[in-house]
């Protein structure tokens, strides 16, 4: 299969991050739980970027290099 010299192959990783007790937390204090989810994404984003990944919500990530994905 010929590949265009300008094409870049990317790997996609589906990452599932569980928050223990999420449903109960949402029922108890929805605003606080939403803030925790936001903070979790803020913590993950620099790690994803550091390893060359990108993603709109950091749950579906793309990486150019498999080594970067594994290191993440």
PDB file of N, CA and C in Angstrom:
ATOM      1  N   UNK A   1       0.842  -1.181   0.000  1.00  0.00           N
ATOM      2  CA  UNK A   1       0.000   0.000   0.000  1.00  0.00           C
ATOM      3  C   UNK A   1       0.883   1.238   0.000  1.00  0.00           C
ATOM      4  N   UNK A   2       0.727   2.083  -1.012  1.00  0.00           N
ATOM      5  CA  UNK A   2       1.485   3.333  -1.081  1.00  0.00           C
ATOM      6  C   UNK A   2       0.885   4.359  -0.150  1.00  0.00           C
ATOM      7  N   UNK A   3       1.755   5.031   0.564  1.00  0.00           N
ATOM      8  CA  UNK A   3       1.300   6.105   1.445  1.00  0.00           C
ATOM      9  C   UNK A   3       1.838   7.415   0.923  1.00  0.00           C
ATOM     10  N   UNK A   4       1.002   8.404   0.967  1.00  0.00           N
ATOM     11  CA  UNK A   4       1.420   9.751   0.601  1.00  0.00           C
ATOM     12  C   UNK A   4       2.506  10.191   1.568  1.00  0.00           C
ATOM     13  N   UNK A   5       3.566  10.815   1.074  1.00  0.00           N
ATOM     14  CA  UNK A   5       4.677  11.221   1.942  1.00  0.00           C
ATOM     15  C   UNK A   5       4.265  12.278   2.966  1.00  0.00           C
ATOM     16  N   UNK A   6       3.117  12.906   2.766  1.00  0.00           N
ATOM     17  CA  UNK A   6       2.648  13.912   3.722  1.00  0.00           C
ATOM     18  C   UNK A   6       1.696  13.330   4.762  1.00  0.00           C
ATOM     19  N   UNK A   7       1.290  12.082   4.590  1.00  0.00           N
ATOM     20  CA  UNK A   7       0.348  11.494   5.547  1.00  0.00           C
ATOM     21  C   UNK A   7       1.088  11.071   6.814  1.00  0.00           C
ATOM     22  N   UNK A   8       0.393  11.186   7.926  1.00  0.00           N
ATOM     23  CA  UNK A   8       0.944  10.814   9.221  1.00  0.00           C
ATOM     24  C   UNK A   8       0.038   9.751   9.829  1.00  0.00           C
ATOM     25  N   UNK A   9       0.635   8.652  10.192  1.00  0.00           N
ATOM     26  CA  UNK A   9      -0.116   7.584  10.823  1.00  0.00           C
ATOM     27  C   UNK A   9      -0.265   7.903  12.305  1.00  0.00           C
ATOM     28  N   UNK A  10      -1.474   7.805  12.820  1.00  0.00           N
ATOM     29  CA  UNK A  10      -1.728   8.066  14.235  1.00  0.00           C
ATOM     30  C   UNK A  10      -2.375   6.848  14.859  1.00  0.00           C
ATOM     31  N   UNK A  11      -2.054   6.628  16.112  1.00  0.00           N
ATOM     32  CA  UNK A  11      -2.652   5.560  16.895  1.00  0.00           C
ATOM     33  C   UNK A  11      -3.695   6.173  17.808  1.00  0.00           C
ATOM     34  N   UNK A  12      -4.785   5.485  17.988  1.00  0.00           N
ATOM     35  CA  UNK A  12      -5.850   5.997  18.850  1.00  0.00           C
ATOM     36  C   UNK A  12      -5.995   5.083  20.057  1.00  0.00           C
ATOM     37  N   UNK A  13      -6.090   5.691  21.218  1.00  0.00           N
ATOM     38  CA  UNK A  13      -6.286   4.934  22.458  1.00  0.00           C
ATOM     39  C   UNK A  13      -7.583   5.401  23.097  1.00  0.00           C
ATOM     40  N   UNK A  14      -8.390   4.449  23.484  1.00  0.00           N
ATOM     41  CA  UNK A  14      -9.595   4.783  24.233  1.00  0.00           C
ATOM     42  C   UNK A  14      -9.264   4.537  25.698  1.00  0.00           C
ATOM     43  N   UNK A  15      -9.320   5.598  26.457  1.00  0.00           N
ATOM     44  CA  UNK A  15      -8.919   5.522  27.850  1.00  0.00           C
ATOM     45  C   UNK A  15     -10.166   5.665  28.725  1.00  0.00           C
ATOM     46  N   UNK A  16     -10.346   4.716  29.595  1.00  0.00           N
ATOM     47  CA  UNK A  16     -11.484   4.762  30.504  1.00  0.00           C
ATOM     48  C   UNK A  16     -10.958   5.089  31.890  1.00  0.00           C
ATOM     49  N   UNK A  17     -11.386   6.196  32.426  1.00  0.00           N
ATOM     50  CA  UNK A  17     -10.974   6.607  33.756  1.00  0.00           C
ATOM     51  C   UNK A  17     -12.198   6.536  34.656  1.00  0.00           C
ATOM     52  N   UNK A  18     -12.099   5.694  35.647  1.00  0.00           N
ATOM     53  CA  UNK A  18     -13.221   5.506  36.559  1.00  0.00           C
ATOM     54  C   UNK A  18     -13.043   6.391  37.781  1.00  0.00           C
ATOM     55  N   UNK A  19     -14.130   6.933  38.246  1.00  0.00           N
ATOM     56  CA  UNK A  19     -14.118   7.691  39.486  1.00  0.00           C
ATOM     57  C   UNK A  19     -14.991   6.898  40.466  1.00  0.00           C
ATOM     58  N   UNK A  20     -14.337   6.284  41.428  1.00  0.00           N
ATOM     59  CA  UNK A  20     -15.045   5.431  42.387  1.00  0.00           C
ATOM     60  C   UNK A  20     -16.121   6.244  43.106  1.00  0.00           C
ATOM     61  N   UNK A  21     -17.334   5.710  43.097  1.00  0.00           N
ATOM     62  CA  UNK A  21     -18.439   6.364  43.792  1.00  0.00           C
ATOM     63  C   UNK A  21     -19.031   7.553  43.044  1.00  0.00           C
ATOM     64  N   UNK A  22     -18.782   7.633  41.729  1.00  0.00           N
ATOM     65  CA  UNK A  22     -19.217   8.794  40.934  1.00  0.00           C
ATOM     66  C   UNK A  22     -20.719   9.064  41.065  1.00  0.00           C
ATOM     67  N   UNK A  23     -21.513   8.029  40.901  1.00  0.00           N
ATOM     68  CA  UNK A  23     -22.979   8.229  40.954  1.00  0.00           C
ATOM     69  C   UNK A  23     -23.401   8.745  42.316  1.00  0.00           C
ATOM     70  N   UNK A  24     -22.882   8.143  43.364  1.00  0.00           N
ATOM     71  CA  UNK A  24     -23.226   8.598  44.721  1.00  0.00           C
ATOM     72  C   UNK A  24     -22.738  10.024  44.949  1.00  0.00           C
ATOM     73  N   UNK A  25     -21.541  10.326  44.444  1.00  0.00           N
ATOM     74  CA  UNK A  25     -21.007  11.682  44.600  1.00  0.00           C
ATOM     75  C   UNK A  25     -21.885  12.696  43.885  1.00  0.00           C
ATOM     76  N   UNK A  26     -22.343  12.341  42.677  1.00  0.00           N
ATOM     77  CA  UNK A  26     -23.213  13.254  41.914  1.00  0.00           C
ATOM     78  C   UNK A  26     -24.520  13.490  42.659  1.00  0.00           C
ATOM     79  N   UNK A  27     -25.050  12.452  43.278  1.00  0.00           N
ATOM     80  CA  UNK A  27     -26.304  12.595  44.024  1.00  0.00           C
ATOM     81  C   UNK A  27     -26.118  13.464  45.260  1.00  0.00           C
ATOM     82  N   UNK A  28     -24.956  13.338  45.887  1.00  0.00           N
ATOM     83  CA  UNK A  28     -24.694  14.086  47.120  1.00  0.00           C
ATOM     84  C   UNK A  28     -24.358  15.546  46.850  1.00  0.00           C
ATOM     85  N   UNK A  29     -23.472  15.798  45.872  1.00  0.00           N
ATOM     86  CA  UNK A  29     -23.022  17.171  45.606  1.00  0.00           C
ATOM     87  C   UNK A  29     -22.560  17.268  44.142  1.00  0.00           C
ATOM     88  N   UNK A  30     -23.505  17.570  43.270  1.00  0.00           N
ATOM     89  CA  UNK A  30     -23.244  17.588  41.833  1.00  0.00           C
ATOM     90  C   UNK A  30     -22.149  18.595  41.452  1.00  0.00           C
ATOM     91  N   UNK A  31     -22.212  19.784  41.995  1.00  0.00           N
ATOM     92  CA  UNK A  31     -21.231  20.827  41.643  1.00  0.00           C
ATOM     93  C   UNK A  31     -19.810  20.399  42.030  1.00  0.00           C
ATOM     94  N   UNK A  32     -19.661  19.873  43.236  1.00  0.00           N
ATOM     95  CA  UNK A  32     -18.337  19.428  43.688  1.00  0.00           C
ATOM     96  C   UNK A  32     -17.807  18.305  42.792  1.00  0.00           C
ATOM     97  N   UNK A  33     -18.673  17.357  42.437  1.00  0.00           N
ATOM     98  CA  UNK A  33     -18.262  16.240  41.593  1.00  0.00           C
ATOM     99  C   UNK A  33     -17.845  16.739  40.207  1.00  0.00           C
ATOM    100  N   UNK A  34     -18.594  17.674  39.641  1.00  0.00           N
ATOM    101  CA  UNK A  34     -18.219  18.237  38.341  1.00  0.00           C
ATOM    102  C   UNK A  34     -16.872  18.948  38.420  1.00  0.00           C
ATOM    103  N   UNK A  35     -16.619  19.616  39.532  1.00  0.00           N
ATOM    104  CA  UNK A  35     -15.320  20.272  39.723  1.00  0.00           C
ATOM    105  C   UNK A  35     -14.191  19.254  39.829  1.00  0.00           C
ATOM    106  N   UNK A  36     -14.452  18.105  40.464  1.00  0.00           N
ATOM    107  CA  UNK A  36     -13.451  17.046  40.551  1.00  0.00           C
ATOM    108  C   UNK A  36     -13.132  16.469  39.171  1.00  0.00           C
ATOM    109  N   UNK A  37     -14.162  16.283  38.356  1.00  0.00           N
ATOM    110  CA  UNK A  37     -13.951  15.782  36.990  1.00  0.00           C
ATOM    111  C   UNK A  37     -13.133  16.793  36.194  1.00  0.00           C
ATOM    112  N   UNK A  38     -13.448  18.056  36.340  1.00  0.00           N
ATOM    113  CA  UNK A  38     -12.697  19.110  35.653  1.00  0.00           C
ATOM    114  C   UNK A  38     -11.237  19.093  36.101  1.00  0.00           C
ATOM    115  N   UNK A  39     -11.009  18.962  37.394  1.00  0.00           N
ATOM    116  CA  UNK A  39      -9.643  18.933  37.931  1.00  0.00           C
ATOM    117  C   UNK A  39      -8.888  17.710  37.424  1.00  0.00           C
ATOM    118  N   UNK A  40      -9.578  16.577  37.354  1.00  0.00           N
ATOM    119  CA  UNK A  40      -8.967  15.353  36.843  1.00  0.00           C
ATOM    120  C   UNK A  40      -8.472  15.575  35.408  1.00  0.00           C
ATOM    121  N   UNK A  41      -9.285  16.200  34.576  1.00  0.00           N
ATOM    122  CA  UNK A  41      -8.889  16.487  33.189  1.00  0.00           C
ATOM    123  C   UNK A  41      -7.718  17.454  33.135  1.00  0.00           C
ATOM    124  N   UNK A  42      -7.701  18.434  34.046  1.00  0.00           N
ATOM    125  CA  UNK A  42      -6.589  19.388  34.100  1.00  0.00           C
ATOM    126  C   UNK A  42      -5.280  18.688  34.457  1.00  0.00           C
ATOM    127  N   UNK A  43      -5.359  17.661  35.288  1.00  0.00           N
ATOM    128  CA  UNK A  43      -4.163  16.908  35.676  1.00  0.00           C
ATOM    129  C   UNK A  43      -3.685  15.984  34.558  1.00  0.00           C
ATOM    130  N   UNK A  44      -4.604  15.426  33.807  1.00  0.00           N
ATOM    131  CA  UNK A  44      -4.267  14.485  32.740  1.00  0.00           C
ATOM    132  C   UNK A  44      -3.704  15.194  31.511  1.00  0.00           C
ATOM    133  N   UNK A  45      -4.243  16.362  31.182  1.00  0.00           N
ATOM    134  CA  UNK A  45      -3.872  17.047  29.947  1.00  0.00           C
ATOM    135  C   UNK A  45      -2.358  17.230  29.769  1.00  0.00           C
ATOM    136  N   UNK A  46      -1.619  17.732  30.772  1.00  0.00           N
ATOM    137  CA  UNK A  46      -0.178  17.915  30.570  1.00  0.00           C
ATOM    138  C   UNK A  46       0.563  16.598  30.310  1.00  0.00           C
ATOM    139  N   UNK A  47       0.095  15.501  30.895  1.00  0.00           N
ATOM    140  CA  UNK A  47       0.723  14.204  30.662  1.00  0.00           C
ATOM    141  C   UNK A  47       0.510  13.740  29.228  1.00  0.00           C
ATOM    142  N   UNK A  48      -0.693  13.947  28.734  1.00  0.00           N
ATOM    143  CA  UNK A  48      -1.010  13.564  27.357  1.00  0.00           C
ATOM    144  C   UNK A  48      -0.155  14.382  26.388  1.00  0.00           C
ATOM    145  N   UNK A  49      -0.112  15.678  26.583  1.00  0.00           N
ATOM    146  CA  UNK A  49       0.664  16.568  25.715  1.00  0.00           C
ATOM    147  C   UNK A  49       2.148  16.215  25.784  1.00  0.00           C
ATOM    148  N   UNK A  50       2.646  15.931  26.980  1.00  0.00           N
ATOM    149  CA  UNK A  50       4.065  15.585  27.172  1.00  0.00           C
ATOM    150  C   UNK A  50       4.465  14.395  26.309  1.00  0.00           C
ATOM    151  N   UNK A  51       3.549  13.467  26.113  1.00  0.00           N
ATOM    152  CA  UNK A  51       3.842  12.264  25.344  1.00  0.00           C
ATOM    153  C   UNK A  51       3.330  12.341  23.910  1.00  0.00           C
ATOM    154  N   UNK A  52       3.045  13.552  23.444  1.00  0.00           N
ATOM    155  CA  UNK A  52       2.678  13.747  22.045  1.00  0.00           C
ATOM    156  C   UNK A  52       1.249  13.391  21.709  1.00  0.00           C
ATOM    157  N   UNK A  53       0.410  13.243  22.707  1.00  0.00           N
ATOM    158  CA  UNK A  53      -0.982  12.887  22.459  1.00  0.00           C
ATOM    159  C   UNK A  53      -1.852  14.117  22.304  1.00  0.00           C
ATOM    160  N   UNK A  54      -3.020  13.897  21.788  1.00  0.00           N
ATOM    161  CA  UNK A  54      -4.000  14.970  21.655  1.00  0.00           C
ATOM    162  C   UNK A  54      -5.385  14.360  21.742  1.00  0.00           C
ATOM    163  N   UNK A  55      -6.335  15.154  22.153  1.00  0.00           N
ATOM    164  CA  UNK A  55      -7.703  14.669  22.240  1.00  0.00           C
ATOM    165  C   UNK A  55      -8.602  15.757  22.774  1.00  0.00           C
ATOM    166  N   UNK A  56      -9.835  15.791  22.296  1.00  0.00           N
ATOM    167  CA  UNK A  56     -10.746  16.862  22.700  1.00  0.00           C
ATOM    168  C   UNK A  56     -11.155  16.779  24.167  1.00  0.00           C
ATOM    169  N   UNK A  57     -11.239  15.580  24.701  1.00  0.00           N
ATOM    170  CA  UNK A  57     -11.692  15.454  26.085  1.00  0.00           C
ATOM    171  C   UNK A  57     -10.748  14.577  26.900  1.00  0.00           C
ATOM    172  N   UNK A  58      -9.676  14.148  26.294  1.00  0.00           N
ATOM    173  CA  UNK A  58      -8.686  13.291  26.924  1.00  0.00           C
ATOM    174  C   UNK A  58      -9.275  11.975  27.414  1.00  0.00           C
ATOM    175  N   UNK A  59     -10.238  11.502  26.671  1.00  0.00           N
ATOM    176  CA  UNK A  59     -10.747  10.158  26.851  1.00  0.00           C
ATOM    177  C   UNK A  59     -10.474   9.374  25.572  1.00  0.00           C
ATOM    178  N   UNK A  60     -10.585  10.045  24.431  1.00  0.00           N
ATOM    179  CA  UNK A  60     -10.188   9.474  23.154  1.00  0.00           C
ATOM    180  C   UNK A  60      -8.915  10.208  22.749  1.00  0.00           C
ATOM    181  N   UNK A  61      -7.795   9.502  22.769  1.00  0.00           N
ATOM    182  CA  UNK A  61      -6.497  10.121  22.550  1.00  0.00           C
ATOM    183  C   UNK A  61      -5.877   9.607  21.268  1.00  0.00           C
ATOM    184  N   UNK A  62      -5.080  10.445  20.616  1.00  0.00           N
ATOM    185  CA  UNK A  62      -4.320   9.998  19.457  1.00  0.00           C
ATOM    186  C   UNK A  62      -2.847  10.272  19.702  1.00  0.00           C
ATOM    187  N   UNK A  63      -2.019   9.319  19.267  1.00  0.00           N
ATOM    188  CA  UNK A  63      -0.572   9.426  19.372  1.00  0.00           C
ATOM    189  C   UNK A  63       0.030   9.054  18.026  1.00  0.00           C
ATOM    190  N   UNK A  64       1.124   9.702  17.662  1.00  0.00           N
ATOM    191  CA  UNK A  64       1.812   9.390  16.417  1.00  0.00           C
ATOM    192  C   UNK A  64       2.699   8.169  16.614  1.00  0.00           C
ATOM    193  N   UNK A  65       3.265   8.016  17.777  1.00  0.00           N
ATOM    194  CA  UNK A  65       4.260   6.983  18.032  1.00  0.00           C
ATOM    195  C   UNK A  65       3.769   6.018  19.118  1.00  0.00           C
ATOM    196  N   UNK A  66       3.861   4.739  18.864  1.00  0.00           N
ATOM    197  CA  UNK A  66       3.429   3.723  19.826  1.00  0.00           C
ATOM    198  C   UNK A  66       4.218   3.831  21.121  1.00  0.00           C
ATOM    199  N   UNK A  67       5.508   4.135  21.043  1.00  0.00           N
ATOM    200  CA  UNK A  67       6.320   4.276  22.260  1.00  0.00           C
ATOM    201  C   UNK A  67       5.771   5.371  23.169  1.00  0.00           C
ATOM    202  N   UNK A  68       5.317   6.475  22.574  1.00  0.00           N
ATOM    203  CA  UNK A  68       4.745   7.550  23.382  1.00  0.00           C
ATOM    204  C   UNK A  68       3.458   7.101  24.061  1.00  0.00           C
ATOM    205  N   UNK A  69       2.666   6.345  23.349  1.00  0.00           N
ATOM    206  CA  UNK A  69       1.415   5.845  23.913  1.00  0.00           C
ATOM    207  C   UNK A  69       1.702   4.932  25.103  1.00  0.00           C
ATOM    208  N   UNK A  70       2.645   4.025  24.942  1.00  0.00           N
ATOM    209  CA  UNK A  70       2.962   3.092  26.009  1.00  0.00           C
ATOM    210  C   UNK A  70       3.562   3.809  27.206  1.00  0.00           C
ATOM    211  N   UNK A  71       4.384   4.822  26.968  1.00  0.00           N
ATOM    212  CA  UNK A  71       4.984   5.595  28.057  1.00  0.00           C
ATOM    213  C   UNK A  71       3.931   6.348  28.834  1.00  0.00           C
ATOM    214  N   UNK A  72       2.870   6.777  28.143  1.00  0.00           N
ATOM    215  CA  UNK A  72       1.834   7.545  28.811  1.00  0.00           C
ATOM    216  C   UNK A  72       1.188   6.689  29.849  1.00  0.00           C
TER     217      UNK A  72
END
